[in-house]
PDB file of all heavy atoms in Angstrom:
ATOM      1  N   THR A   1       0.832  -1.195   0.000  1.00  0.00           N
ATOM      2  CA  THR A   1       0.000   0.000   0.000  1.00  0.00           C
ATOM      3  C   THR A   1       0.871   1.251   0.000  1.00  0.00           C
ATOM      4  O   THR A   1       2.062   1.186   0.337  1.00  0.00           O
ATOM      5  CB  THR A   1      -0.921   0.016   1.246  1.00  0.00           C
ATOM      6  OG1 THR A   1      -1.819   1.125   1.148  1.00  0.00           O
ATOM      7  CG2 THR A   1      -0.103   0.122   2.522  1.00  0.00           C
ATOM      8  N   PHE A   2       0.269   2.363  -0.394  1.00  0.00           N
ATOM      9  CA  PHE A   2       0.914   3.660  -0.265  1.00  0.00           C
ATOM     10  C   PHE A   2       0.344   4.342   0.970  1.00  0.00           C
ATOM     11  O   PHE A   2      -0.879   4.372   1.162  1.00  0.00           O
ATOM     12  CB  PHE A   2       0.664   4.530  -1.503  1.00  0.00           C
ATOM     13  CG  PHE A   2       1.274   3.981  -2.766  1.00  0.00           C
ATOM     14  CD1 PHE A   2       0.501   3.705  -3.877  1.00  0.00           C
ATOM     15  CD2 PHE A   2       2.641   3.754  -2.839  1.00  0.00           C
ATOM     16  CE1 PHE A   2       1.060   3.210  -5.040  1.00  0.00           C
ATOM     17  CE2 PHE A   2       3.222   3.246  -3.997  1.00  0.00           C
ATOM     18  CZ  PHE A   2       2.423   2.985  -5.097  1.00  0.00           C
ATOM     19  N   ALA A   3       1.204   4.876   1.796  1.00  0.00           N
ATOM     20  CA  ALA A   3       0.785   5.551   3.023  1.00  0.00           C
ATOM     21  C   ALA A   3       1.063   7.038   2.874  1.00  0.00           C
ATOM     22  O   ALA A   3       2.185   7.506   3.109  1.00  0.00           O
ATOM     23  CB  ALA A   3       1.529   4.989   4.230  1.00  0.00           C
ATOM     24  N   GLY A   4       0.043   7.775   2.456  1.00  0.00           N
ATOM     25  CA  GLY A   4       0.256   9.194   2.214  1.00  0.00           C
ATOM     26  C   GLY A   4       1.231   9.390   1.075  1.00  0.00           C
ATOM     27  O   GLY A   4       0.998   8.940  -0.049  1.00  0.00           O
ATOM     28  N   ASP A   5       2.343  10.046   1.370  1.00  0.00           N
ATOM     29  CA  ASP A   5       3.358  10.259   0.336  1.00  0.00           C
ATOM     30  C   ASP A   5       4.586   9.390   0.572  1.00  0.00           C
ATOM     31  O   ASP A   5       5.692   9.730   0.153  1.00  0.00           O
ATOM     32  CB  ASP A   5       3.755  11.735   0.274  1.00  0.00           C
ATOM     33  CG  ASP A   5       4.331  12.244   1.587  1.00  0.00           C
ATOM     34  OD1 ASP A   5       4.318  11.480   2.576  1.00  0.00           O
ATOM     35  OD2 ASP A   5       4.793  13.404   1.633  1.00  0.00           O
ATOM     36  N   THR A   6       4.381   8.248   1.254  1.00  0.00           N
ATOM     37  CA  THR A   6       5.481   7.329   1.512  1.00  0.00           C
ATOM     38  C   THR A   6       5.065   5.898   1.180  1.00  0.00           C
ATOM     39  O   THR A   6       3.885   5.595   1.002  1.00  0.00           O
ATOM     40  CB  THR A   6       5.931   7.380   2.987  1.00  0.00           C
ATOM     41  OG1 THR A   6       4.861   6.882   3.818  1.00  0.00           O
ATOM     42  CG2 THR A   6       6.296   8.792   3.399  1.00  0.00           C
ATOM     43  N   ALA A   7       6.047   5.025   1.124  1.00  0.00           N
ATOM     44  CA  ALA A   7       5.796   3.598   0.912  1.00  0.00           C
ATOM     45  C   ALA A   7       6.972   2.821   1.478  1.00  0.00           C
ATOM     46  O   ALA A   7       8.087   3.352   1.598  1.00  0.00           O
ATOM     47  CB  ALA A   7       5.621   3.288  -0.569  1.00  0.00           C
ATOM     48  N   ARG A   8       6.710   1.567   1.830  1.00  0.00           N
ATOM     49  CA  ARG A   8       7.765   0.714   2.370  1.00  0.00           C
ATOM     50  C   ARG A   8       7.796  -0.603   1.600  1.00  0.00           C
ATOM     51  O   ARG A   8       6.775  -1.265   1.412  1.00  0.00           O
ATOM     52  CB  ARG A   8       7.537   0.440   3.857  1.00  0.00           C
ATOM     53  CG  ARG A   8       8.492  -0.603   4.450  1.00  0.00           C
ATOM     54  CD  ARG A   8       8.434  -0.638   5.967  1.00  0.00           C
ATOM     55  NE  ARG A   8       9.070   0.564   6.541  1.00  0.00           N
ATOM     56  CZ  ARG A   8       9.222   0.747   7.855  1.00  0.00           C
ATOM     57  NH1 ARG A   8       8.780  -0.161   8.724  1.00  0.00           N
ATOM     58  NH2 ARG A   8       9.809   1.842   8.307  1.00  0.00           N
ATOM     59  N   LEU A   9       8.988  -0.970   1.176  1.00  0.00           N
ATOM     60  CA  LEU A   9       9.219  -2.251   0.507  1.00  0.00           C
ATOM     61  C   LEU A   9       9.867  -3.189   1.515  1.00  0.00           C
ATOM     62  O   LEU A   9      10.867  -2.834   2.147  1.00  0.00           O
ATOM     63  CB  LEU A   9      10.139  -2.056  -0.700  1.00  0.00           C
ATOM     64  CG  LEU A   9      10.407  -3.275  -1.591  1.00  0.00           C
ATOM     65  CD1 LEU A   9       9.140  -3.684  -2.335  1.00  0.00           C
ATOM     66  CD2 LEU A   9      11.517  -2.962  -2.591  1.00  0.00           C
ATOM     67  N   ALA A  10       9.283  -4.387   1.667  1.00  0.00           N
ATOM     68  CA  ALA A  10       9.803  -5.337   2.649  1.00  0.00           C
ATOM     69  C   ALA A  10       9.959  -6.713   2.010  1.00  0.00           C
ATOM     70  O   ALA A  10       9.660  -6.919   0.831  1.00  0.00           O
ATOM     71  CB  ALA A  10       8.868  -5.412   3.857  1.00  0.00           C
ATOM     72  N   GLY A  11      10.454  -7.664   2.808  1.00  0.00           N
ATOM     73  CA  GLY A  11      10.569  -9.041   2.352  1.00  0.00           C
ATOM     74  C   GLY A  11      11.691  -9.270   1.368  1.00  0.00           C
ATOM     75  O   GLY A  11      12.704  -8.561   1.356  1.00  0.00           O
ATOM     76  N   GLU A  12      11.492 -10.281   0.492  1.00  0.00           N
ATOM     77  CA  GLU A  12      12.536 -10.659  -0.455  1.00  0.00           C
ATOM     78  C   GLU A  12      12.857  -9.549  -1.449  1.00  0.00           C
ATOM     79  O   GLU A  12      14.006  -9.400  -1.876  1.00  0.00           O
ATOM     80  CB  GLU A  12      12.113 -11.931  -1.202  1.00  0.00           C
ATOM     81  CG  GLU A  12      12.072 -13.174  -0.325  1.00  0.00           C
ATOM     82  CD  GLU A  12      11.798 -14.424  -1.131  1.00  0.00           C
ATOM     83  OE1 GLU A  12      11.822 -14.344  -2.380  1.00  0.00           O
ATOM     84  OE2 GLU A  12      11.566 -15.485  -0.524  1.00  0.00           O
ATOM     85  N   ASP A  13      11.837  -8.765  -1.819  1.00  0.00           N
ATOM     86  CA  ASP A  13      12.086  -7.678  -2.765  1.00  0.00           C
ATOM     87  C   ASP A  13      13.020  -6.641  -2.152  1.00  0.00           C
ATOM     88  O   ASP A  13      13.912  -6.106  -2.834  1.00  0.00           O
ATOM     89  CB  ASP A  13      10.766  -7.023  -3.176  1.00  0.00           C
ATOM     90  CG  ASP A  13       9.937  -7.905  -4.083  1.00  0.00           C
ATOM     91  OD1 ASP A  13      10.522  -8.785  -4.744  1.00  0.00           O
ATOM     92  OD2 ASP A  13       8.708  -7.723  -4.130  1.00  0.00           O
ATOM     93  N   ALA A  14      12.813  -6.322  -0.871  1.00  0.00           N
ATOM     94  CA  ALA A  14      13.691  -5.361  -0.203  1.00  0.00           C
ATOM     95  C   ALA A  14      15.110  -5.913  -0.105  1.00  0.00           C
ATOM     96  O   ALA A  14      16.092  -5.187  -0.300  1.00  0.00           O
ATOM     97  CB  ALA A  14      13.144  -5.037   1.187  1.00  0.00           C
ATOM     98  N   HIS A  15      15.218  -7.205   0.185  1.00  0.00           N
ATOM     99  CA  HIS A  15      16.538  -7.833   0.260  1.00  0.00           C
ATOM    100  C   HIS A  15      17.244  -7.766  -1.095  1.00  0.00           C
ATOM    101  O   HIS A  15      18.437  -7.456  -1.182  1.00  0.00           O
ATOM    102  CB  HIS A  15      16.406  -9.280   0.719  1.00  0.00           C
ATOM    103  CG  HIS A  15      17.717 -10.001   0.811  1.00  0.00           C
ATOM    104  ND1 HIS A  15      18.249 -10.679  -0.266  1.00  0.00           N
ATOM    105  CD2 HIS A  15      18.606 -10.121   1.834  1.00  0.00           C
ATOM    106  CE1 HIS A  15      19.405 -11.208   0.095  1.00  0.00           C
ATOM    107  NE2 HIS A  15      19.643 -10.882   1.355  1.00  0.00           N
ATOM    108  N   HIS A  16      16.480  -8.051  -2.154  1.00  0.00           N
ATOM    109  CA  HIS A  16      17.073  -8.041  -3.497  1.00  0.00           C
ATOM    110  C   HIS A  16      17.526  -6.630  -3.869  1.00  0.00           C
ATOM    111  O   HIS A  16      18.643  -6.440  -4.383  1.00  0.00           O
ATOM    112  CB  HIS A  16      16.056  -8.546  -4.516  1.00  0.00           C
ATOM    113  CG  HIS A  16      16.559  -8.541  -5.928  1.00  0.00           C
ATOM    114  ND1 HIS A  16      17.465  -9.462  -6.403  1.00  0.00           N
ATOM    115  CD2 HIS A  16      16.287  -7.709  -6.974  1.00  0.00           C
ATOM    116  CE1 HIS A  16      17.734  -9.214  -7.670  1.00  0.00           C
ATOM    117  NE2 HIS A  16      17.024  -8.146  -8.043  1.00  0.00           N
ATOM    118  N   LEU A  17      16.661  -5.650  -3.614  1.00  0.00           N
ATOM    119  CA  LEU A  17      17.000  -4.277  -3.971  1.00  0.00           C
ATOM    120  C   LEU A  17      18.163  -3.758  -3.134  1.00  0.00           C
ATOM    121  O   LEU A  17      19.072  -3.100  -3.645  1.00  0.00           O
ATOM    122  CB  LEU A  17      15.774  -3.381  -3.795  1.00  0.00           C
ATOM    123  CG  LEU A  17      15.941  -1.896  -4.150  1.00  0.00           C
ATOM    124  CD1 LEU A  17      16.460  -1.727  -5.569  1.00  0.00           C
ATOM    125  CD2 LEU A  17      14.617  -1.170  -3.977  1.00  0.00           C
ATOM    126  N   GLY A  18      18.142  -4.086  -1.832  1.00  0.00           N
ATOM    127  CA  GLY A  18      19.172  -3.558  -0.954  1.00  0.00           C
ATOM    128  C   GLY A  18      20.501  -4.283  -1.052  1.00  0.00           C
ATOM    129  O   GLY A  18      21.561  -3.643  -1.130  1.00  0.00           O
ATOM    130  N   ARG A  19      20.464  -5.630  -1.075  1.00  0.00           N
ATOM    131  CA  ARG A  19      21.697  -6.404  -1.022  1.00  0.00           C
ATOM    132  C   ARG A  19      22.253  -6.758  -2.391  1.00  0.00           C
ATOM    133  O   ARG A  19      23.475  -6.798  -2.577  1.00  0.00           O
ATOM    134  CB  ARG A  19      21.456  -7.694  -0.225  1.00  0.00           C
ATOM    135  CG  ARG A  19      21.027  -7.454   1.216  1.00  0.00           C
ATOM    136  CD  ARG A  19      22.150  -6.819   2.027  1.00  0.00           C
ATOM    137  NE  ARG A  19      21.760  -6.600   3.408  1.00  0.00           N
ATOM    138  CZ  ARG A  19      21.863  -7.511   4.369  1.00  0.00           C
ATOM    139  NH1 ARG A  19      22.330  -8.717   4.075  1.00  0.00           N
ATOM    140  NH2 ARG A  19      21.489  -7.230   5.600  1.00  0.00           N
ATOM    141  N   VAL A  20      21.375  -7.014  -3.343  1.00  0.00           N
ATOM    142  CA  VAL A  20      21.829  -7.437  -4.673  1.00  0.00           C
ATOM    143  C   VAL A  20      22.057  -6.227  -5.583  1.00  0.00           C
ATOM    144  O   VAL A  20      23.085  -6.128  -6.261  1.00  0.00           O
ATOM    145  CB  VAL A  20      20.823  -8.408  -5.313  1.00  0.00           C
ATOM    146  CG1 VAL A  20      21.294  -8.816  -6.719  1.00  0.00           C
ATOM    147  CG2 VAL A  20      20.644  -9.647  -4.439  1.00  0.00           C
ATOM    148  N   LEU A  21      21.093  -5.319  -5.591  1.00  0.00           N
ATOM    149  CA  LEU A  21      21.208  -4.141  -6.450  1.00  0.00           C
ATOM    150  C   LEU A  21      21.899  -2.974  -5.753  1.00  0.00           C
ATOM    151  O   LEU A  21      22.099  -1.919  -6.361  1.00  0.00           O
ATOM    152  CB  LEU A  21      19.811  -3.706  -6.935  1.00  0.00           C
ATOM    153  CG  LEU A  21      19.037  -4.743  -7.758  1.00  0.00           C
ATOM    154  CD1 LEU A  21      17.693  -4.182  -8.189  1.00  0.00           C
ATOM    155  CD2 LEU A  21      19.841  -5.186  -8.974  1.00  0.00           C
ATOM    156  N   HIS A  22      22.248  -3.159  -4.479  1.00  0.00           N
ATOM    157  CA  HIS A  22      22.996  -2.156  -3.708  1.00  0.00           C
ATOM    158  C   HIS A  22      22.303  -0.782  -3.726  1.00  0.00           C
ATOM    159  O   HIS A  22      22.899   0.242  -4.057  1.00  0.00           O
ATOM    160  CB  HIS A  22      24.427  -2.024  -4.256  1.00  0.00           C
ATOM    161  CG  HIS A  22      25.168  -3.324  -4.296  1.00  0.00           C
ATOM    162  ND1 HIS A  22      25.532  -4.020  -3.152  1.00  0.00           N
ATOM    163  CD2 HIS A  22      25.587  -4.088  -5.346  1.00  0.00           C
ATOM    164  CE1 HIS A  22      26.163  -5.128  -3.494  1.00  0.00           C
ATOM    165  NE2 HIS A  22      26.205  -5.206  -4.822  1.00  0.00           N
ATOM    166  N   ALA A  23      21.015  -0.807  -3.384  1.00  0.00           N
ATOM    167  CA  ALA A  23      20.240   0.431  -3.376  1.00  0.00           C
ATOM    168  C   ALA A  23      20.803   1.426  -2.374  1.00  0.00           C
ATOM    169  O   ALA A  23      21.299   1.051  -1.306  1.00  0.00           O
ATOM    170  CB  ALA A  23      18.783   0.120  -3.031  1.00  0.00           C
ATOM    171  N   GLU A  24      20.685   2.705  -2.716  1.00  0.00           N
ATOM    172  CA  GLU A  24      21.166   3.773  -1.859  1.00  0.00           C
ATOM    173  C   GLU A  24      20.128   4.883  -1.807  1.00  0.00           C
ATOM    174  O   GLU A  24      19.353   5.077  -2.753  1.00  0.00           O
ATOM    175  CB  GLU A  24      22.486   4.346  -2.395  1.00  0.00           C
ATOM    176  CG  GLU A  24      23.633   3.354  -2.428  1.00  0.00           C
ATOM    177  CD  GLU A  24      24.890   3.966  -3.008  1.00  0.00           C
ATOM    178  OE1 GLU A  24      24.796   5.105  -3.535  1.00  0.00           O
ATOM    179  OE2 GLU A  24      25.952   3.317  -2.939  1.00  0.00           O
ATOM    180  N   PRO A  25      20.087   5.651  -0.720  1.00  0.00           N
ATOM    181  CA  PRO A  25      19.186   6.797  -0.641  1.00  0.00           C
ATOM    182  C   PRO A  25      19.391   7.737  -1.822  1.00  0.00           C
ATOM    183  O   PRO A  25      20.512   7.970  -2.269  1.00  0.00           O
ATOM    184  CB  PRO A  25      19.564   7.461   0.688  1.00  0.00           C
ATOM    185  CG  PRO A  25      20.083   6.326   1.517  1.00  0.00           C
ATOM    186  CD  PRO A  25      20.825   5.444   0.552  1.00  0.00           C
ATOM    187  N   GLY A  26      18.279   8.240  -2.331  1.00  0.00           N
ATOM    188  CA  GLY A  26      18.319   9.147  -3.470  1.00  0.00           C
ATOM    189  C   GLY A  26      18.018   8.486  -4.798  1.00  0.00           C
ATOM    190  O   GLY A  26      17.641   9.160  -5.762  1.00  0.00           O
ATOM    191  N   GLN A  27      18.159   7.167  -4.878  1.00  0.00           N
ATOM    192  CA  GLN A  27      17.874   6.477  -6.132  1.00  0.00           C
ATOM    193  C   GLN A  27      16.361   6.427  -6.379  1.00  0.00           C
ATOM    194  O   GLN A  27      15.557   6.369  -5.453  1.00  0.00           O
ATOM    195  CB  GLN A  27      18.448   5.059  -6.105  1.00  0.00           C
ATOM    196  CG  GLN A  27      19.965   5.021  -6.122  1.00  0.00           C
ATOM    197  CD  GLN A  27      20.500   3.597  -6.073  1.00  0.00           C
ATOM    198  OE1 GLN A  27      19.825   2.671  -5.607  1.00  0.00           O
ATOM    199  NE2 GLN A  27      21.719   3.428  -6.539  1.00  0.00           N
ATOM    200  N   LEU A  28      15.983   6.407  -7.667  1.00  0.00           N
ATOM    201  CA  LEU A  28      14.581   6.419  -8.064  1.00  0.00           C
ATOM    202  C   LEU A  28      14.156   5.066  -8.628  1.00  0.00           C
ATOM    203  O   LEU A  28      14.881   4.466  -9.430  1.00  0.00           O
ATOM    204  CB  LEU A  28      14.337   7.510  -9.112  1.00  0.00           C
ATOM    205  CG  LEU A  28      14.570   8.960  -8.657  1.00  0.00           C
ATOM    206  CD1 LEU A  28      14.459   9.894  -9.844  1.00  0.00           C
ATOM    207  CD2 LEU A  28      13.585   9.347  -7.563  1.00  0.00           C
TER     208      LEU A  28
END
């Protein structure tokens, strides 16, 4: 869901984006 003007990605997708794709603040 979208919460106002924010959103949270969790679970395996968050792991993939954070650990595999090396996501960083500021990326779109």
